[in-house]
Amino acid sequence: MLTSKLTSKSQTTIPQPVRAALGLRPGDEILYRIDDGQVILAKARAVQGDDPFKTFDEWDSEADRQAYADL
C-alpha cells in the first residue's frame, strides 16, 4: 500500500510508482471518480483540440525545456 501526506494547502505528491503505472508526466490531467467512499485515480485522455504534438517526447528532456524556455 502506498501513502502520501496532505499539505496545509490540501496538496499531495502522487507517489512515483503510481505515476509510472499511469504513465503520468508533468502537465498531464488526472481524473478522480468517487465510488462508495473510495476514490479512483486515472490519467485523463486527450480530448479533441488538445495539442497534437503533446505525445511527441523526442525533445522532452530538462535540457530541452531550458533551451527552449524563452521561445
N, C-alpha and C. Protein backbone atom coordinates (compact mmCIF):
# COMPACT_ATOMS: atom_id res chain seq x y z
N MET A 1 0.85 -1.18 0.00
CA MET A 1 0.00 0.00 0.00
C MET A 1 0.89 1.23 0.00
N LEU A 2 0.57 2.19 -0.83
CA LEU A 2 1.31 3.44 -0.92
C LEU A 2 0.54 4.54 -0.21
N THR A 3 1.27 5.46 0.42
CA THR A 3 0.63 6.59 1.09
C THR A 3 1.34 7.88 0.71
N SER A 4 0.67 8.99 0.91
CA SER A 4 1.27 10.31 0.80
C SER A 4 0.51 11.22 1.76
N LYS A 5 1.16 12.31 2.17
CA LYS A 5 0.54 13.23 3.13
C LYS A 5 -0.10 14.41 2.42
N LEU A 6 -1.13 14.94 3.04
CA LEU A 6 -1.81 16.13 2.56
C LEU A 6 -1.18 17.34 3.23
N THR A 7 -0.83 18.36 2.43
CA THR A 7 -0.24 19.57 2.99
C THR A 7 -1.32 20.49 3.54
N SER A 8 -0.91 21.56 4.16
CA SER A 8 -1.86 22.54 4.69
C SER A 8 -2.66 23.21 3.58
N LYS A 9 -2.17 23.13 2.33
CA LYS A 9 -2.88 23.68 1.18
C LYS A 9 -3.69 22.61 0.44
N SER A 10 -3.89 21.47 1.11
CA SER A 10 -4.65 20.35 0.54
C SER A 10 -4.01 19.78 -0.73
N GLN A 11 -2.69 19.79 -0.78
CA GLN A 11 -1.95 19.23 -1.91
C GLN A 11 -1.22 17.98 -1.46
N THR A 12 -0.94 17.11 -2.41
CA THR A 12 -0.17 15.91 -2.13
C THR A 12 0.68 15.58 -3.34
N THR A 13 1.68 14.75 -3.15
CA THR A 13 2.51 14.26 -4.24
C THR A 13 2.03 12.86 -4.58
N ILE A 14 1.81 12.62 -5.85
CA ILE A 14 1.43 11.28 -6.28
C ILE A 14 2.69 10.43 -6.26
N PRO A 15 2.70 9.33 -5.53
CA PRO A 15 3.91 8.51 -5.44
C PRO A 15 4.41 8.05 -6.81
N GLN A 16 5.72 7.94 -6.94
CA GLN A 16 6.34 7.58 -8.20
C GLN A 16 5.80 6.29 -8.80
N PRO A 17 5.59 5.22 -8.02
CA PRO A 17 5.04 4.01 -8.64
C PRO A 17 3.67 4.22 -9.27
N VAL A 18 2.86 5.11 -8.69
CA VAL A 18 1.54 5.42 -9.26
C VAL A 18 1.72 6.22 -10.54
N ARG A 19 2.61 7.22 -10.52
CA ARG A 19 2.87 8.00 -11.74
C ARG A 19 3.35 7.09 -12.86
N ALA A 20 4.24 6.17 -12.54
CA ALA A 20 4.77 5.24 -13.55
C ALA A 20 3.66 4.33 -14.08
N ALA A 21 2.84 3.80 -13.19
CA ALA A 21 1.77 2.88 -13.60
C ALA A 21 0.77 3.56 -14.53
N LEU A 22 0.50 4.84 -14.29
CA LEU A 22 -0.46 5.58 -15.12
C LEU A 22 0.21 6.29 -16.29
N GLY A 23 1.54 6.29 -16.33
CA GLY A 23 2.25 6.99 -17.40
C GLY A 23 2.09 8.50 -17.28
N LEU A 24 2.04 9.00 -16.05
CA LEU A 24 1.83 10.44 -15.83
C LEU A 24 3.13 11.21 -16.03
N ARG A 25 2.98 12.37 -16.66
CA ARG A 25 4.11 13.28 -16.88
C ARG A 25 3.68 14.68 -16.44
N PRO A 26 4.63 15.56 -16.19
CA PRO A 26 4.26 16.93 -15.81
C PRO A 26 3.29 17.54 -16.83
N GLY A 27 2.24 18.14 -16.33
CA GLY A 27 1.25 18.78 -17.19
C GLY A 27 0.06 17.89 -17.52
N ASP A 28 0.16 16.58 -17.26
CA ASP A 28 -0.96 15.68 -17.52
C ASP A 28 -2.13 16.01 -16.59
N GLU A 29 -3.32 15.72 -17.06
CA GLU A 29 -4.51 15.90 -16.24
C GLU A 29 -4.91 14.57 -15.63
N ILE A 30 -5.49 14.63 -14.44
CA ILE A 30 -5.88 13.44 -13.70
C ILE A 30 -7.39 13.47 -13.48
N LEU A 31 -8.00 12.31 -13.63
CA LEU A 31 -9.43 12.16 -13.35
C LEU A 31 -9.61 11.52 -11.98
N TYR A 32 -10.61 11.98 -11.24
CA TYR A 32 -10.96 11.40 -9.95
C TYR A 32 -12.41 10.94 -10.02
N ARG A 33 -12.66 9.70 -9.62
CA ARG A 33 -14.02 9.19 -9.55
C ARG A 33 -14.26 8.70 -8.13
N ILE A 34 -15.30 9.22 -7.51
CA ILE A 34 -15.66 8.81 -6.15
C ILE A 34 -16.69 7.70 -6.26
N ASP A 35 -16.36 6.56 -5.66
CA ASP A 35 -17.21 5.38 -5.78
C ASP A 35 -17.32 4.70 -4.42
N ASP A 36 -18.45 4.87 -3.77
CA ASP A 36 -18.73 4.21 -2.50
C ASP A 36 -17.64 4.47 -1.45
N GLY A 37 -17.29 5.74 -1.29
CA GLY A 37 -16.32 6.12 -0.27
C GLY A 37 -14.86 5.93 -0.66
N GLN A 38 -14.60 5.50 -1.88
CA GLN A 38 -13.23 5.37 -2.37
C GLN A 38 -13.06 6.25 -3.59
N VAL A 39 -11.81 6.65 -3.84
CA VAL A 39 -11.51 7.49 -4.99
C VAL A 39 -10.67 6.68 -5.97
N ILE A 40 -11.07 6.71 -7.22
CA ILE A 40 -10.33 6.03 -8.28
C ILE A 40 -9.64 7.11 -9.10
N LEU A 41 -8.34 6.95 -9.24
CA LEU A 41 -7.49 7.92 -9.93
C LEU A 41 -7.13 7.36 -11.30
N ALA A 42 -7.22 8.19 -12.35
CA ALA A 42 -6.88 7.75 -13.69
C ALA A 42 -6.28 8.92 -14.46
N LYS A 43 -5.49 8.61 -15.44
CA LYS A 43 -4.95 9.65 -16.32
C LYS A 43 -6.06 10.06 -17.28
N ALA A 44 -6.27 11.36 -17.42
CA ALA A 44 -7.29 11.86 -18.34
C ALA A 44 -6.82 11.63 -19.77
N ARG A 45 -7.74 11.24 -20.60
CA ARG A 45 -7.42 11.05 -22.02
C ARG A 45 -7.47 12.40 -22.72
N ALA A 46 -6.70 12.52 -23.77
CA ALA A 46 -6.69 13.75 -24.55
C ALA A 46 -8.05 13.94 -25.20
N VAL A 47 -8.51 15.17 -25.21
CA VAL A 47 -9.76 15.50 -25.88
C VAL A 47 -9.45 16.26 -27.15
N GLN A 48 -10.39 16.23 -28.07
CA GLN A 48 -10.19 16.92 -29.33
C GLN A 48 -9.88 18.39 -29.06
N GLY A 49 -8.86 18.90 -29.73
CA GLY A 49 -8.43 20.27 -29.52
C GLY A 49 -7.17 20.36 -28.69
N ASP A 50 -6.78 19.23 -28.06
CA ASP A 50 -5.51 19.23 -27.34
C ASP A 50 -4.36 19.34 -28.33
N ASP A 51 -3.22 19.68 -27.81
CA ASP A 51 -2.01 19.81 -28.62
C ASP A 51 -1.67 18.47 -29.28
N PRO A 52 -1.68 18.37 -30.61
CA PRO A 52 -1.39 17.09 -31.26
C PRO A 52 0.05 16.64 -31.08
N PHE A 53 0.93 17.54 -30.69
CA PHE A 53 2.34 17.20 -30.52
C PHE A 53 2.66 16.82 -29.08
N LYS A 54 1.67 16.81 -28.21
CA LYS A 54 1.89 16.53 -26.80
C LYS A 54 2.50 15.15 -26.58
N THR A 55 2.17 14.19 -27.44
CA THR A 55 2.69 12.84 -27.26
C THR A 55 4.10 12.67 -27.81
N PHE A 56 4.63 13.66 -28.53
CA PHE A 56 5.99 13.55 -29.03
C PHE A 56 6.95 13.87 -27.89
N ASP A 57 7.78 12.91 -27.54
CA ASP A 57 8.68 13.15 -26.41
C ASP A 57 10.16 13.09 -26.80
N GLU A 58 10.45 13.15 -28.10
CA GLU A 58 11.84 13.10 -28.54
C GLU A 58 12.67 14.24 -27.96
N TRP A 59 12.05 15.40 -27.78
CA TRP A 59 12.77 16.57 -27.28
C TRP A 59 12.18 17.03 -25.95
N ASP A 60 11.83 16.10 -25.12
CA ASP A 60 11.19 16.43 -23.86
C ASP A 60 12.10 16.07 -22.68
N SER A 61 13.26 16.69 -22.66
CA SER A 61 14.16 16.49 -21.52
C SER A 61 14.28 17.83 -20.79
N GLU A 62 14.85 17.78 -19.61
CA GLU A 62 15.05 19.02 -18.85
C GLU A 62 15.93 19.98 -19.63
N ALA A 63 16.96 19.47 -20.29
CA ALA A 63 17.87 20.33 -21.08
C ALA A 63 17.09 20.99 -22.22
N ASP A 64 16.21 20.25 -22.87
CA ASP A 64 15.39 20.82 -23.96
C ASP A 64 14.46 21.89 -23.43
N ARG A 65 13.80 21.62 -22.28
CA ARG A 65 12.88 22.62 -21.72
C ARG A 65 13.61 23.91 -21.39
N GLN A 66 14.82 23.80 -20.86
CA GLN A 66 15.61 25.00 -20.54
C GLN A 66 16.04 25.72 -21.80
N ALA A 67 16.47 24.96 -22.81
CA ALA A 67 16.95 25.56 -24.05
C ALA A 67 15.85 26.32 -24.79
N TYR A 68 14.62 25.82 -24.71
CA TYR A 68 13.52 26.43 -25.44
C TYR A 68 12.56 27.23 -24.55
N ALA A 69 12.94 27.48 -23.33
CA ALA A 69 12.05 28.16 -22.38
C ALA A 69 11.67 29.57 -22.82
N ASP A 70 12.55 30.24 -23.51
CA ASP A 70 12.28 31.64 -23.87
C ASP A 70 11.58 31.79 -25.22
N LEU A 71 11.25 30.71 -25.87
CA LEU A 71 10.58 30.81 -27.18
C LEU A 71 9.11 31.06 -27.05
